[in-house]
Protein backbone atom coordinates (compact mmCIF):
# COMPACT_ATOMS: atom_id res chain seq x y z
CA UNK A 1 18.26 -6.30 1.33
CA UNK A 2 16.64 -7.62 -1.64
CA UNK A 3 15.41 -10.20 0.44
CA UNK A 4 13.70 -7.49 2.52
CA UNK A 5 12.03 -6.12 -0.53
CA UNK A 6 11.05 -9.61 -1.80
CA UNK A 7 9.52 -10.40 1.85
CA UNK A 8 7.66 -6.73 2.06
CA UNK A 9 6.46 -6.59 -1.50
CA UNK A 10 5.07 -10.36 -1.49
CA UNK A 11 3.04 -8.88 1.32
CA UNK A 12 1.63 -6.28 0.07
CA UNK A 13 0.95 -8.13 -3.14
CA UNK A 14 -1.10 -10.70 -1.52
CA UNK A 15 -2.88 -8.43 0.95
CA UNK A 16 -6.50 -8.91 2.02
CA UNK A 17 -8.94 -6.14 2.70
CA UNK A 18 -9.13 -7.57 6.40
CA UNK A 19 -5.42 -7.34 6.59
CA UNK A 20 -5.36 -4.05 5.41
CA UNK A 21 -7.64 -2.56 7.78
CA UNK A 22 -5.80 -4.17 10.47
CA UNK A 23 -2.52 -2.74 9.43
CA UNK A 24 -4.44 0.91 8.97
CA UNK A 25 -5.44 1.21 12.69
CA UNK A 26 -1.61 1.33 14.10
CA UNK A 27 -1.08 4.37 11.29
CA UNK A 28 -4.01 6.01 11.66
CA UNK A 29 -5.16 5.68 8.65
CA UNK A 30 -8.40 6.48 7.50
CA UNK A 31 -10.13 3.84 5.11
CA UNK A 32 -13.33 2.46 5.31
CA UNK A 33 -14.08 -1.63 4.85
CA UNK A 34 -14.97 -0.72 0.75
CA UNK A 35 -12.11 1.20 0.54
CA UNK A 36 -9.61 -1.21 1.99
CA UNK A 37 -11.19 -4.08 -0.23
CA UNK A 38 -10.82 -1.74 -3.22
CA UNK A 39 -6.98 -1.49 -2.70
CA UNK A 40 -6.34 -4.84 -1.66
CA UNK A 41 -8.09 -5.81 -5.27
CA UNK A 42 -5.51 -3.19 -6.67
CA UNK A 43 -2.73 -4.18 -4.94
CA UNK A 44 -3.53 -7.89 -5.75
CA UNK A 45 -3.90 -7.72 -9.49
CA UNK A 46 -0.55 -5.42 -10.45
CA UNK A 47 1.91 -6.58 -8.27
CA UNK A 48 3.96 -3.52 -7.57
CA UNK A 49 7.23 -2.93 -6.55
CA UNK A 50 7.01 -0.49 -3.59
CA UNK A 51 10.39 -0.39 -3.87
CA UNK A 52 10.01 0.89 -7.19
CA UNK A 53 9.71 4.94 -6.90
CA UNK A 54 7.62 5.42 -10.62
CA UNK A 55 6.11 2.03 -9.99
CA UNK A 56 4.62 3.46 -6.54
CA UNK A 57 3.86 6.81 -7.87
CA UNK A 58 1.20 4.86 -9.94
CA UNK A 59 0.10 3.15 -6.82
CA UNK A 60 -0.49 6.17 -5.08
CA UNK A 61 -2.58 7.84 -7.64
CA UNK A 62 -4.91 4.67 -7.69
CA UNK A 63 -5.09 4.67 -3.92
CA UNK A 64 -6.11 8.11 -4.02
CA UNK A 65 -9.01 7.17 -6.83
CA UNK A 66 -10.21 4.61 -4.42
CA UNK A 67 -9.80 6.57 -1.35
CA UNK A 68 -9.16 10.22 -1.84
CA UNK A 69 -5.85 11.99 -1.86
CA UNK A 70 -5.21 12.00 2.02
CA UNK A 71 -5.55 8.74 2.58
CA UNK A 72 -3.21 8.15 -0.52
CA UNK A 73 -0.53 10.78 1.26
CA UNK A 74 -0.68 8.47 4.62
CA UNK A 75 -0.32 5.26 2.63
CA UNK A 76 2.69 6.77 0.76
CA UNK A 77 4.39 8.06 3.97
CA UNK A 78 4.07 4.58 5.27
CA UNK A 79 5.19 2.90 1.91
CA UNK A 80 8.11 5.29 2.71
CA UNK A 81 9.45 4.31 5.88
CA UNK A 82 9.57 0.79 4.52
CA UNK A 83 11.89 1.68 1.16
CA UNK A 84 13.86 4.43 3.03
CA UNK A 85 16.60 2.09 4.39
CA UNK A 86 17.01 -0.21 1.45
């Protein structure tokens, strides 16, 4: 499943704010354009591996600073969906 992990991480590490807004809608993540841009910028700058629990925890804490704890919690749920069957 390493190839799946690489694909998911690549997408997350190269996402734009616009793409993030598009993906947030079907999952009912409540983020605005400014938050999406800040989150995407952070994701592009850190090259996070969401399959690594420690890295994901740090990422979620940073998202909470930008978008609030509730949004970070929802984003974490989404990441867990992606990573649970690794």
